[in-house]
Amino acid sequence: MRQKRAKTYRKLMHLYSMSFGFRQPYQILVDSEMCQIAIDAKLDLVKQFSTVLQGNVKPMITQCCMHELYLQGKVRQPAVDLAKTFERRKCNHREAIPGDECLSSVVGTLRLILWDTNKHRYVVATQSQSLRNGLRIIPAVPVVHINRAVMVLEPPSEATLEAKELTEEQSLRPSATELATVPEINQCQRRGRVQRGPIL
């Protein structure tokens, strides 16, 4: 990896760790297509993930994504074998649903108008353009994909940058317990007047 790109990725992961609490080993949700491309391009996925995210990683795959690989038949057996080395992440879907829907439901759910943040702090490794676009709505979701046999960590989304600014603002404001410990300011000080004693 080029030094400039490595520096950019280091800054990105620093942003996710400082603002959203990401910690090593980074949990990476991998989709079925990513496994297939890694086999076709002869990429060592775990090593690539460690290089791009600049730390220890824990690749994970959902049952729905595994089901997609099984449907490909014996032609994709090497991709199935690769996926079996990853930790299995329970998605709680009784019947298999498409991998894109499964991963987006695991990362965040739509409640009323707002998306839940990525509370389990997953990094998502996917080749699906529609899923990548959908994940940009959810704050604090690092997305990794492969472009011409090169693994790329996407820049943070607008939702992520807005959430980062919000958390920074909240950290600067005093908490309720801190406000309770501050002595009350009397009326004169509130008006900007200074109490003076008698002139001697």
N, C-alpha and C. Protein backbone atom coordinates (compact mmCIF):
# COMPACT_ATOMS: atom_id res chain seq x y z
N MET A 1 0.83 -1.19 0.00
CA MET A 1 0.00 0.00 0.00
C MET A 1 0.87 1.25 0.00
N ARG A 2 0.45 2.23 -0.77
CA ARG A 2 1.22 3.47 -0.83
C ARG A 2 1.14 4.21 0.50
N GLN A 3 2.20 4.96 0.78
CA GLN A 3 2.31 5.63 2.08
C GLN A 3 1.20 6.65 2.29
N LYS A 4 0.86 7.39 1.21
CA LYS A 4 -0.18 8.42 1.32
C LYS A 4 -1.53 7.79 1.64
N ARG A 5 -1.85 6.67 0.96
CA ARG A 5 -3.12 5.99 1.21
C ARG A 5 -3.15 5.41 2.62
N ALA A 6 -2.03 4.85 3.07
CA ALA A 6 -1.95 4.27 4.41
C ALA A 6 -2.20 5.35 5.47
N LYS A 7 -1.65 6.54 5.24
CA LYS A 7 -1.84 7.66 6.17
C LYS A 7 -3.31 8.08 6.22
N THR A 8 -3.95 8.12 5.05
CA THR A 8 -5.37 8.48 4.97
C THR A 8 -6.23 7.47 5.73
N TYR A 9 -5.94 6.17 5.54
CA TYR A 9 -6.70 5.13 6.22
C TYR A 9 -6.48 5.17 7.73
N ARG A 10 -5.26 5.50 8.14
CA ARG A 10 -4.96 5.60 9.57
C ARG A 10 -5.80 6.72 10.20
N LYS A 11 -5.90 7.85 9.49
CA LYS A 11 -6.70 8.97 9.99
C LYS A 11 -8.18 8.60 10.07
N LEU A 12 -8.66 7.87 9.05
CA LEU A 12 -10.06 7.45 9.03
C LEU A 12 -10.39 6.55 10.22
N MET A 13 -9.54 5.56 10.46
CA MET A 13 -9.80 4.65 11.57
C MET A 13 -9.65 5.35 12.92
N HIS A 14 -8.78 6.36 12.98
CA HIS A 14 -8.65 7.17 14.19
C HIS A 14 -9.96 7.92 14.46
N LEU A 15 -10.56 8.44 13.37
CA LEU A 15 -11.85 9.14 13.50
C LEU A 15 -12.92 8.19 14.05
N TYR A 16 -13.00 6.97 13.49
CA TYR A 16 -14.00 6.02 13.95
C TYR A 16 -13.75 5.58 15.40
N SER A 17 -12.49 5.44 15.78
CA SER A 17 -12.19 5.00 17.15
C SER A 17 -12.43 6.12 18.17
N MET A 18 -12.05 7.35 17.83
CA MET A 18 -12.19 8.46 18.78
C MET A 18 -13.64 8.93 18.90
N SER A 19 -14.36 9.00 17.77
CA SER A 19 -15.72 9.55 17.79
C SER A 19 -16.80 8.51 18.06
N PHE A 20 -16.56 7.25 17.65
CA PHE A 20 -17.62 6.24 17.74
C PHE A 20 -17.24 5.00 18.53
N GLY A 21 -16.04 4.97 19.10
CA GLY A 21 -15.67 3.88 20.00
C GLY A 21 -15.28 2.57 19.34
N PHE A 22 -14.81 2.62 18.08
CA PHE A 22 -14.33 1.40 17.43
C PHE A 22 -13.05 0.94 18.12
N ARG A 23 -12.93 -0.38 18.33
CA ARG A 23 -11.75 -0.95 18.99
C ARG A 23 -11.28 -2.19 18.23
N GLN A 24 -10.01 -2.48 18.38
CA GLN A 24 -9.46 -3.71 17.80
C GLN A 24 -9.80 -4.90 18.70
N PRO A 25 -9.99 -6.08 18.16
CA PRO A 25 -10.01 -6.40 16.73
C PRO A 25 -11.30 -5.88 16.07
N TYR A 26 -11.15 -5.23 14.91
CA TYR A 26 -12.31 -4.70 14.20
C TYR A 26 -13.16 -5.85 13.67
N GLN A 27 -14.48 -5.78 13.93
CA GLN A 27 -15.41 -6.81 13.46
C GLN A 27 -15.84 -6.46 12.04
N ILE A 28 -15.56 -7.36 11.11
CA ILE A 28 -15.86 -7.08 9.70
C ILE A 28 -16.93 -8.05 9.21
N LEU A 29 -18.06 -7.49 8.76
CA LEU A 29 -19.10 -8.29 8.15
C LEU A 29 -18.78 -8.43 6.66
N VAL A 30 -18.57 -9.65 6.22
CA VAL A 30 -18.16 -9.90 4.83
C VAL A 30 -19.35 -10.48 4.06
N ASP A 31 -19.60 -9.98 2.84
CA ASP A 31 -20.69 -10.54 2.04
C ASP A 31 -20.17 -11.65 1.13
N SER A 32 -21.10 -12.39 0.52
CA SER A 32 -20.74 -13.56 -0.29
C SER A 32 -19.92 -13.17 -1.53
N GLU A 33 -20.27 -12.03 -2.13
CA GLU A 33 -19.58 -11.61 -3.35
C GLU A 33 -18.11 -11.27 -3.06
N MET A 34 -17.86 -10.70 -1.89
CA MET A 34 -16.49 -10.37 -1.50
C MET A 34 -15.64 -11.64 -1.41
N CYS A 35 -16.23 -12.72 -0.88
CA CYS A 35 -15.51 -14.00 -0.80
C CYS A 35 -15.19 -14.53 -2.19
N GLN A 36 -16.14 -14.43 -3.10
CA GLN A 36 -15.94 -14.93 -4.46
C GLN A 36 -14.84 -14.16 -5.18
N ILE A 37 -14.86 -12.83 -5.04
CA ILE A 37 -13.85 -12.01 -5.71
C ILE A 37 -12.47 -12.25 -5.12
N ALA A 38 -12.40 -12.46 -3.80
CA ALA A 38 -11.11 -12.74 -3.15
C ALA A 38 -10.50 -14.02 -3.70
N ILE A 39 -11.33 -15.04 -3.93
CA ILE A 39 -10.84 -16.30 -4.49
C ILE A 39 -10.40 -16.09 -5.94
N ASP A 40 -11.22 -15.37 -6.72
CA ASP A 40 -10.89 -15.14 -8.14
C ASP A 40 -9.60 -14.34 -8.29
N ALA A 41 -9.42 -13.33 -7.42
CA ALA A 41 -8.23 -12.47 -7.51
C ALA A 41 -7.06 -13.00 -6.69
N LYS A 42 -7.27 -14.16 -6.01
CA LYS A 42 -6.24 -14.78 -5.18
C LYS A 42 -5.72 -13.83 -4.11
N LEU A 43 -6.67 -13.20 -3.41
CA LEU A 43 -6.33 -12.25 -2.34
C LEU A 43 -6.43 -12.94 -0.98
N ASP A 44 -5.51 -12.61 -0.10
CA ASP A 44 -5.60 -13.06 1.30
C ASP A 44 -6.45 -12.01 2.03
N LEU A 45 -7.74 -12.32 2.19
CA LEU A 45 -8.68 -11.33 2.73
C LEU A 45 -8.28 -10.81 4.10
N VAL A 46 -7.95 -11.71 5.01
CA VAL A 46 -7.63 -11.30 6.39
C VAL A 46 -6.43 -10.38 6.41
N LYS A 47 -5.41 -10.70 5.63
CA LYS A 47 -4.20 -9.87 5.55
C LYS A 47 -4.53 -8.50 4.96
N GLN A 48 -5.37 -8.50 3.91
CA GLN A 48 -5.77 -7.23 3.28
C GLN A 48 -6.57 -6.36 4.25
N PHE A 49 -7.49 -7.00 4.98
CA PHE A 49 -8.28 -6.25 5.97
C PHE A 49 -7.37 -5.62 7.02
N SER A 50 -6.41 -6.38 7.51
CA SER A 50 -5.48 -5.87 8.53
C SER A 50 -4.67 -4.69 8.01
N THR A 51 -4.25 -4.79 6.75
CA THR A 51 -3.45 -3.72 6.14
C THR A 51 -4.28 -2.45 5.98
N VAL A 52 -5.50 -2.60 5.45
CA VAL A 52 -6.34 -1.43 5.17
C VAL A 52 -6.83 -0.77 6.46
N LEU A 53 -7.28 -1.58 7.43
CA LEU A 53 -7.82 -1.03 8.67
C LEU A 53 -6.74 -0.73 9.70
N GLN A 54 -5.48 -1.09 9.39
CA GLN A 54 -4.33 -0.77 10.24
C GLN A 54 -4.48 -1.34 11.65
N GLY A 55 -4.88 -2.62 11.73
CA GLY A 55 -5.02 -3.23 13.04
C GLY A 55 -5.50 -4.67 12.94
N ASN A 56 -5.73 -5.29 14.11
CA ASN A 56 -6.24 -6.66 14.15
C ASN A 56 -7.70 -6.69 13.73
N VAL A 57 -8.08 -7.76 13.03
CA VAL A 57 -9.45 -7.85 12.51
C VAL A 57 -10.08 -9.19 12.87
N LYS A 58 -11.42 -9.20 12.87
CA LYS A 58 -12.18 -10.44 13.10
C LYS A 58 -13.26 -10.52 12.03
N PRO A 59 -12.98 -11.21 10.89
CA PRO A 59 -13.99 -11.32 9.84
C PRO A 59 -15.17 -12.17 10.30
N MET A 60 -16.37 -11.75 9.89
CA MET A 60 -17.59 -12.46 10.26
C MET A 60 -18.49 -12.57 9.03
N ILE A 61 -19.33 -13.60 9.01
CA ILE A 61 -20.27 -13.77 7.91
C ILE A 61 -21.60 -14.25 8.48
N THR A 62 -22.70 -13.78 7.89
CA THR A 62 -24.02 -14.16 8.38
C THR A 62 -24.48 -15.45 7.69
N GLN A 63 -25.48 -16.08 8.28
CA GLN A 63 -26.02 -17.32 7.73
C GLN A 63 -26.64 -17.09 6.35
N CYS A 64 -27.26 -15.93 6.16
CA CYS A 64 -27.88 -15.61 4.86
C CYS A 64 -26.83 -15.51 3.76
N CYS A 65 -25.68 -14.89 4.08
CA CYS A 65 -24.59 -14.78 3.09
C CYS A 65 -24.00 -16.16 2.80
N MET A 66 -23.92 -17.00 3.82
CA MET A 66 -23.45 -18.37 3.60
C MET A 66 -24.41 -19.13 2.69
N HIS A 67 -25.69 -18.91 2.89
CA HIS A 67 -26.71 -19.57 2.07
C HIS A 67 -26.54 -19.17 0.60
N GLU A 68 -26.24 -17.88 0.36
CA GLU A 68 -26.00 -17.41 -1.02
C GLU A 68 -24.83 -18.16 -1.66
N LEU A 69 -23.78 -18.39 -0.88
CA LEU A 69 -22.62 -19.12 -1.41
C LEU A 69 -22.97 -20.57 -1.72
N TYR A 70 -23.76 -21.20 -0.83
CA TYR A 70 -24.15 -22.60 -1.06
C TYR A 70 -24.97 -22.74 -2.34
N LEU A 71 -25.78 -21.72 -2.64
CA LEU A 71 -26.61 -21.77 -3.84
C LEU A 71 -25.80 -21.74 -5.14
N GLN A 72 -24.55 -21.26 -5.04
CA GLN A 72 -23.70 -21.18 -6.24
C GLN A 72 -23.24 -22.57 -6.70
N GLY A 73 -23.34 -23.55 -5.84
CA GLY A 73 -22.96 -24.91 -6.20
C GLY A 73 -21.48 -25.19 -5.98
N LYS A 74 -21.02 -26.34 -6.48
CA LYS A 74 -19.64 -26.77 -6.26
C LYS A 74 -18.61 -25.88 -6.95
N VAL A 75 -19.07 -25.12 -7.94
CA VAL A 75 -18.15 -24.20 -8.65
C VAL A 75 -17.54 -23.21 -7.67
N ARG A 76 -18.33 -22.81 -6.68
CA ARG A 76 -17.88 -21.81 -5.71
C ARG A 76 -17.44 -22.44 -4.39
N GLN A 77 -17.07 -23.68 -4.38
CA GLN A 77 -16.65 -24.36 -3.15
C GLN A 77 -15.46 -23.67 -2.46
N PRO A 78 -14.43 -23.18 -3.22
CA PRO A 78 -13.34 -22.47 -2.54
C PRO A 78 -13.81 -21.24 -1.77
N ALA A 79 -14.81 -20.52 -2.31
CA ALA A 79 -15.36 -19.36 -1.60
C ALA A 79 -16.10 -19.79 -0.34
N VAL A 80 -16.79 -20.93 -0.41
CA VAL A 80 -17.49 -21.48 0.76
C VAL A 80 -16.47 -21.86 1.83
N ASP A 81 -15.38 -22.49 1.41
CA ASP A 81 -14.34 -22.90 2.35
C ASP A 81 -13.71 -21.68 3.03
N LEU A 82 -13.52 -20.60 2.25
CA LEU A 82 -12.98 -19.36 2.83
C LEU A 82 -13.96 -18.79 3.86
N ALA A 83 -15.23 -18.75 3.49
CA ALA A 83 -16.24 -18.18 4.39
C ALA A 83 -16.37 -18.99 5.68
N LYS A 84 -16.14 -20.29 5.61
CA LYS A 84 -16.23 -21.14 6.80
C LYS A 84 -15.14 -20.83 7.82
N THR A 85 -14.06 -20.20 7.38
CA THR A 85 -12.99 -19.83 8.33
C THR A 85 -13.36 -18.60 9.14
N PHE A 86 -14.41 -17.87 8.70
CA PHE A 86 -14.84 -16.67 9.41
C PHE A 86 -15.79 -17.04 10.55
N GLU A 87 -15.85 -16.15 11.53
CA GLU A 87 -16.80 -16.35 12.63
C GLU A 87 -18.22 -16.16 12.10
N ARG A 88 -19.15 -17.00 12.55
CA ARG A 88 -20.53 -16.90 12.11
C ARG A 88 -21.27 -15.88 12.97
N ARG A 89 -21.90 -14.91 12.31
CA ARG A 89 -22.64 -13.87 13.03
C ARG A 89 -24.14 -14.19 12.91
N LYS A 90 -24.81 -14.35 14.04
CA LYS A 90 -26.25 -14.66 14.01
C LYS A 90 -27.04 -13.46 13.50
N CYS A 91 -27.87 -13.71 12.50
CA CYS A 91 -28.69 -12.63 11.95
C CYS A 91 -30.17 -12.77 12.34
N ASN A 92 -30.52 -13.90 12.97
CA ASN A 92 -31.88 -14.16 13.46
C ASN A 92 -32.94 -14.17 12.36
N HIS A 93 -32.56 -14.53 11.14
CA HIS A 93 -33.53 -14.71 10.06
C HIS A 93 -33.84 -16.21 9.95
N ARG A 94 -35.09 -16.56 10.19
CA ARG A 94 -35.45 -17.99 10.16
C ARG A 94 -35.28 -18.57 8.76
N GLU A 95 -35.70 -17.79 7.76
CA GLU A 95 -35.48 -18.19 6.37
C GLU A 95 -34.50 -17.22 5.76
N ALA A 96 -33.62 -17.74 4.91
CA ALA A 96 -32.57 -16.91 4.32
C ALA A 96 -33.18 -15.79 3.46
N ILE A 97 -32.64 -14.59 3.63
CA ILE A 97 -33.03 -13.44 2.80
C ILE A 97 -31.80 -13.01 2.01
N PRO A 98 -31.95 -12.14 1.00
CA PRO A 98 -30.78 -11.68 0.24
C PRO A 98 -29.71 -11.09 1.15
N GLY A 99 -28.44 -11.30 0.79
CA GLY A 99 -27.32 -10.86 1.61
C GLY A 99 -27.32 -9.38 1.92
N ASP A 100 -27.69 -8.54 0.92
CA ASP A 100 -27.72 -7.09 1.13
C ASP A 100 -28.69 -6.71 2.24
N GLU A 101 -29.89 -7.30 2.18
CA GLU A 101 -30.91 -7.01 3.20
C GLU A 101 -30.46 -7.50 4.57
N CYS A 102 -29.84 -8.66 4.59
CA CYS A 102 -29.37 -9.25 5.84
C CYS A 102 -28.32 -8.35 6.51
N LEU A 103 -27.32 -7.92 5.74
CA LEU A 103 -26.25 -7.10 6.31
C LEU A 103 -26.77 -5.74 6.77
N SER A 104 -27.67 -5.13 5.99
CA SER A 104 -28.19 -3.82 6.41
C SER A 104 -29.04 -3.95 7.66
N SER A 105 -29.75 -5.08 7.84
CA SER A 105 -30.55 -5.27 9.05
C SER A 105 -29.66 -5.53 10.27
N VAL A 106 -28.52 -6.18 10.06
CA VAL A 106 -27.59 -6.45 11.17
C VAL A 106 -26.90 -5.16 11.62
N VAL A 107 -26.56 -4.31 10.66
CA VAL A 107 -25.84 -3.07 10.99
C VAL A 107 -26.75 -2.06 11.65
N GLY A 108 -27.94 -1.83 11.09
CA GLY A 108 -28.85 -0.83 11.65
C GLY A 108 -30.26 -1.06 11.18
N THR A 109 -31.23 -0.63 11.99
CA THR A 109 -32.63 -0.80 11.63
C THR A 109 -33.30 0.55 11.56
N LEU A 110 -34.28 0.67 10.68
CA LEU A 110 -35.01 1.92 10.51
C LEU A 110 -36.12 2.01 11.55
N ARG A 111 -36.05 3.05 12.39
CA ARG A 111 -37.10 3.27 13.39
C ARG A 111 -37.67 4.67 13.16
N LEU A 112 -38.94 4.72 12.85
CA LEU A 112 -39.61 5.98 12.48
C LEU A 112 -38.87 6.60 11.30
N ILE A 113 -38.20 7.74 11.51
CA ILE A 113 -37.50 8.38 10.40
C ILE A 113 -35.99 8.20 10.54
N LEU A 114 -35.52 7.93 11.75
CA LEU A 114 -34.08 7.88 12.01
C LEU A 114 -33.54 6.46 11.99
N TRP A 115 -32.29 6.35 11.54
CA TRP A 115 -31.59 5.06 11.57
C TRP A 115 -30.87 4.92 12.90
N ASP A 116 -30.88 3.70 13.44
CA ASP A 116 -30.01 3.39 14.57
C ASP A 116 -28.57 3.49 14.10
N THR A 117 -27.72 3.92 14.98
CA THR A 117 -26.30 3.92 14.62
C THR A 117 -25.77 2.50 14.66
N ASN A 118 -24.60 2.32 14.15
CA ASN A 118 -23.94 1.01 14.08
C ASN A 118 -23.48 0.63 15.49
N LYS A 119 -24.43 0.20 16.34
CA LYS A 119 -24.13 0.03 17.77
C LYS A 119 -23.11 -1.07 18.07
N HIS A 120 -23.02 -2.08 17.17
CA HIS A 120 -22.04 -3.14 17.39
C HIS A 120 -20.69 -2.83 16.74
N ARG A 121 -20.61 -1.67 16.11
CA ARG A 121 -19.35 -1.17 15.50
C ARG A 121 -18.78 -2.15 14.47
N TYR A 122 -19.59 -2.45 13.49
CA TYR A 122 -19.15 -3.33 12.41
C TYR A 122 -18.52 -2.52 11.28
N VAL A 123 -17.48 -3.10 10.68
CA VAL A 123 -16.98 -2.64 9.39
C VAL A 123 -17.65 -3.57 8.38
N VAL A 124 -18.13 -3.02 7.25
CA VAL A 124 -18.81 -3.86 6.25
C VAL A 124 -17.93 -3.97 5.01
N ALA A 125 -17.66 -5.20 4.61
CA ALA A 125 -16.88 -5.48 3.40
C ALA A 125 -17.84 -6.04 2.36
N THR A 126 -18.17 -5.24 1.36
CA THR A 126 -19.15 -5.64 0.35
C THR A 126 -18.80 -5.10 -1.02
N GLN A 127 -19.22 -5.83 -2.03
CA GLN A 127 -19.05 -5.40 -3.41
C GLN A 127 -20.35 -4.81 -3.97
N SER A 128 -21.43 -4.92 -3.23
CA SER A 128 -22.74 -4.46 -3.70
C SER A 128 -22.83 -2.93 -3.65
N GLN A 129 -23.01 -2.30 -4.81
CA GLN A 129 -23.11 -0.84 -4.87
C GLN A 129 -24.36 -0.35 -4.16
N SER A 130 -25.48 -1.08 -4.31
CA SER A 130 -26.73 -0.65 -3.67
C SER A 130 -26.61 -0.72 -2.15
N LEU A 131 -25.95 -1.75 -1.64
CA LEU A 131 -25.76 -1.87 -0.19
C LEU A 131 -24.84 -0.76 0.31
N ARG A 132 -23.77 -0.49 -0.43
CA ARG A 132 -22.85 0.59 -0.02
C ARG A 132 -23.56 1.93 0.03
N ASN A 133 -24.43 2.20 -0.95
CA ASN A 133 -25.20 3.45 -0.94
C ASN A 133 -26.15 3.49 0.24
N GLY A 134 -26.78 2.34 0.53
CA GLY A 134 -27.71 2.28 1.66
C GLY A 134 -27.02 2.49 3.00
N LEU A 135 -25.82 1.96 3.14
CA LEU A 135 -25.08 2.07 4.41
C LEU A 135 -24.59 3.49 4.66
N ARG A 136 -24.51 4.30 3.62
CA ARG A 136 -24.04 5.68 3.79
C ARG A 136 -25.07 6.53 4.54
N ILE A 137 -26.30 6.02 4.65
CA ILE A 137 -27.34 6.73 5.41
C ILE A 137 -27.12 6.54 6.91
N ILE A 138 -26.54 5.39 7.27
CA ILE A 138 -26.33 5.06 8.69
C ILE A 138 -25.00 5.64 9.16
N PRO A 139 -25.00 6.43 10.23
CA PRO A 139 -23.73 7.00 10.71
C PRO A 139 -22.77 5.93 11.22
N ALA A 140 -21.50 6.19 11.08
CA ALA A 140 -20.42 5.38 11.67
C ALA A 140 -20.36 3.96 11.14
N VAL A 141 -20.42 3.81 9.82
CA VAL A 141 -20.26 2.48 9.21
C VAL A 141 -19.10 2.54 8.21
N PRO A 142 -17.91 2.08 8.60
CA PRO A 142 -16.80 2.01 7.63
C PRO A 142 -17.11 0.95 6.58
N VAL A 143 -16.92 1.28 5.31
CA VAL A 143 -17.22 0.34 4.22
C VAL A 143 -15.96 0.07 3.42
N VAL A 144 -15.71 -1.23 3.17
CA VAL A 144 -14.54 -1.67 2.42
C VAL A 144 -15.02 -2.41 1.17
N HIS A 145 -14.37 -2.15 0.03
CA HIS A 145 -14.66 -2.92 -1.17
C HIS A 145 -13.38 -3.13 -1.97
N ILE A 146 -13.45 -4.01 -2.96
CA ILE A 146 -12.28 -4.29 -3.80
C ILE A 146 -12.48 -3.64 -5.15
N ASN A 147 -11.48 -2.88 -5.58
CA ASN A 147 -11.52 -2.22 -6.88
C ASN A 147 -10.27 -2.60 -7.66
N ARG A 148 -10.44 -3.40 -8.71
CA ARG A 148 -9.32 -3.86 -9.53
C ARG A 148 -8.23 -4.53 -8.70
N ALA A 149 -8.64 -5.47 -7.91
CA ALA A 149 -7.76 -6.28 -7.05
C ALA A 149 -7.08 -5.46 -5.95
N VAL A 150 -7.57 -4.25 -5.69
CA VAL A 150 -7.05 -3.40 -4.61
C VAL A 150 -8.17 -3.13 -3.62
N MET A 151 -7.91 -3.39 -2.33
CA MET A 151 -8.92 -3.14 -1.31
C MET A 151 -8.94 -1.67 -0.94
N VAL A 152 -10.16 -1.11 -0.88
CA VAL A 152 -10.33 0.33 -0.65
C VAL A 152 -11.24 0.55 0.55
N LEU A 153 -10.82 1.46 1.43
CA LEU A 153 -11.67 1.91 2.54
C LEU A 153 -12.31 3.22 2.11
N GLU A 154 -13.64 3.24 2.04
CA GLU A 154 -14.34 4.42 1.53
C GLU A 154 -14.26 5.57 2.52
N PRO A 155 -14.26 6.82 2.00
CA PRO A 155 -14.27 7.98 2.91
C PRO A 155 -15.57 8.03 3.71
N PRO A 156 -15.58 8.71 4.85
CA PRO A 156 -16.79 8.74 5.69
C PRO A 156 -17.95 9.44 4.99
N SER A 157 -19.15 8.97 5.24
CA SER A 157 -20.35 9.55 4.63
C SER A 157 -20.72 10.86 5.32
N GLU A 158 -21.67 11.59 4.70
CA GLU A 158 -22.17 12.84 5.29
C GLU A 158 -22.80 12.55 6.66
N ALA A 159 -23.54 11.45 6.74
CA ALA A 159 -24.20 11.08 8.02
C ALA A 159 -23.16 10.86 9.11
N THR A 160 -22.03 10.23 8.75
CA THR A 160 -20.96 9.98 9.72
C THR A 160 -20.33 11.28 10.19
N LEU A 161 -20.05 12.19 9.25
CA LEU A 161 -19.42 13.47 9.60
C LEU A 161 -20.35 14.31 10.47
N GLU A 162 -21.66 14.29 10.17
CA GLU A 162 -22.62 15.03 10.99
C GLU A 162 -22.69 14.45 12.40
N ALA A 163 -22.70 13.11 12.50
CA ALA A 163 -22.74 12.45 13.81
C ALA A 163 -21.47 12.75 14.61
N LYS A 164 -20.34 12.83 13.92
CA LYS A 164 -19.06 13.15 14.57
C LYS A 164 -19.11 14.56 15.17
N GLU A 165 -19.61 15.52 14.40
CA GLU A 165 -19.72 16.90 14.90
C GLU A 165 -20.66 16.97 16.09
N LEU A 166 -21.76 16.21 16.02
CA LEU A 166 -22.73 16.20 17.12
C LEU A 166 -22.11 15.65 18.40
N THR A 167 -21.36 14.55 18.28
CA THR A 167 -20.72 13.96 19.47
C THR A 167 -19.67 14.90 20.05
N GLU A 168 -18.97 15.63 19.16
CA GLU A 168 -17.97 16.59 19.64
C GLU A 168 -18.63 17.74 20.40
N GLU A 169 -19.76 18.22 19.87
CA GLU A 169 -20.50 19.30 20.54
C GLU A 169 -20.99 18.85 21.91
N GLN A 170 -21.53 17.63 21.95
CA GLN A 170 -22.05 17.11 23.22
C GLN A 170 -20.95 16.91 24.25
N SER A 171 -19.76 16.53 23.79
CA SER A 171 -18.65 16.32 24.73
C SER A 171 -18.15 17.65 25.31
N LEU A 172 -18.38 18.75 24.58
CA LEU A 172 -17.94 20.06 25.08
C LEU A 172 -18.93 20.64 26.09
N ARG A 173 -20.20 20.23 26.00
CA ARG A 173 -21.20 20.74 26.93
C ARG A 173 -21.08 20.04 28.28
N PRO A 174 -21.33 20.76 29.39
CA PRO A 174 -21.28 20.11 30.70
C PRO A 174 -22.45 19.16 30.89
N SER A 175 -22.20 18.06 31.57
CA SER A 175 -23.27 17.09 31.85
C SER A 175 -24.14 17.59 32.99
N ALA A 176 -25.26 16.90 33.24
CA ALA A 176 -26.19 17.29 34.30
C ALA A 176 -25.52 17.24 35.67
N THR A 177 -24.67 16.24 35.90
CA THR A 177 -23.97 16.13 37.20
C THR A 177 -22.95 17.26 37.36
N GLU A 178 -22.30 17.63 36.25
CA GLU A 178 -21.34 18.75 36.32
C GLU A 178 -22.05 20.06 36.60
N LEU A 179 -23.21 20.25 35.97
CA LEU A 179 -23.98 21.48 36.21
C LEU A 179 -24.46 21.56 37.66
N ALA A 180 -24.77 20.42 38.25
CA ALA A 180 -25.26 20.39 39.63
C ALA A 180 -24.17 20.79 40.62
N THR A 181 -22.92 20.52 40.29
CA THR A 181 -21.82 20.85 41.21
C THR A 181 -21.38 22.30 41.10
N VAL A 182 -21.78 22.99 40.03
CA VAL A 182 -21.39 24.40 39.86
C VAL A 182 -22.26 25.24 40.78
N PRO A 183 -21.65 26.12 41.61
CA PRO A 183 -22.46 26.95 42.51
C PRO A 183 -23.32 27.93 41.71
N GLU A 184 -24.52 28.23 42.26
CA GLU A 184 -25.42 29.13 41.56
C GLU A 184 -24.86 30.54 41.57
N ILE A 185 -25.05 31.21 40.43
CA ILE A 185 -24.57 32.59 40.30
C ILE A 185 -25.67 33.51 40.81
N ASN A 186 -25.31 34.45 41.67
CA ASN A 186 -26.34 35.34 42.21
C ASN A 186 -26.78 36.36 41.15
N GLN A 187 -27.85 37.07 41.44
CA GLN A 187 -28.47 37.97 40.46
C GLN A 187 -27.53 39.06 39.98
N CYS A 188 -26.72 39.62 40.88
CA CYS A 188 -25.80 40.70 40.50
C CYS A 188 -24.78 40.23 39.48
N GLN A 189 -24.24 39.04 39.69
CA GLN A 189 -23.23 38.52 38.77
C GLN A 189 -23.85 38.19 37.42
N ARG A 190 -25.13 37.76 37.42
CA ARG A 190 -25.79 37.45 36.16
C ARG A 190 -25.94 38.70 35.30
N ARG A 191 -26.20 39.85 35.95
CA ARG A 191 -26.37 41.10 35.21
C ARG A 191 -25.03 41.71 34.81
N GLY A 192 -23.95 41.12 35.25
CA GLY A 192 -22.64 41.64 34.89
C GLY A 192 -22.12 42.67 35.87
N ARG A 193 -22.82 42.85 36.99
CA ARG A 193 -22.36 43.82 37.99
C ARG A 193 -21.48 43.12 39.01
N VAL A 194 -20.56 43.86 39.50
CA VAL A 194 -19.66 43.32 40.52
C VAL A 194 -20.05 43.93 41.87
N GLN A 195 -20.23 43.07 42.86
CA GLN A 195 -20.58 43.58 44.18
C GLN A 195 -19.36 44.22 44.81
N ARG A 196 -19.57 45.40 45.31
CA ARG A 196 -18.46 46.11 45.95
C ARG A 196 -18.81 46.41 47.40
N GLY A 197 -17.79 46.40 48.22
CA GLY A 197 -18.00 46.73 49.63
C GLY A 197 -18.08 48.24 49.86
N PRO A 198 -18.29 48.64 51.09
CA PRO A 198 -18.36 50.09 51.39
C PRO A 198 -17.01 50.77 51.16
N ILE A 199 -17.06 52.00 50.69
CA ILE A 199 -15.82 52.76 50.46
C ILE A 199 -15.32 53.28 51.81
N LEU A 200 -14.05 53.00 52.12
CA LEU A 200 -13.47 53.41 53.40
C LEU A 200 -12.73 54.73 53.25
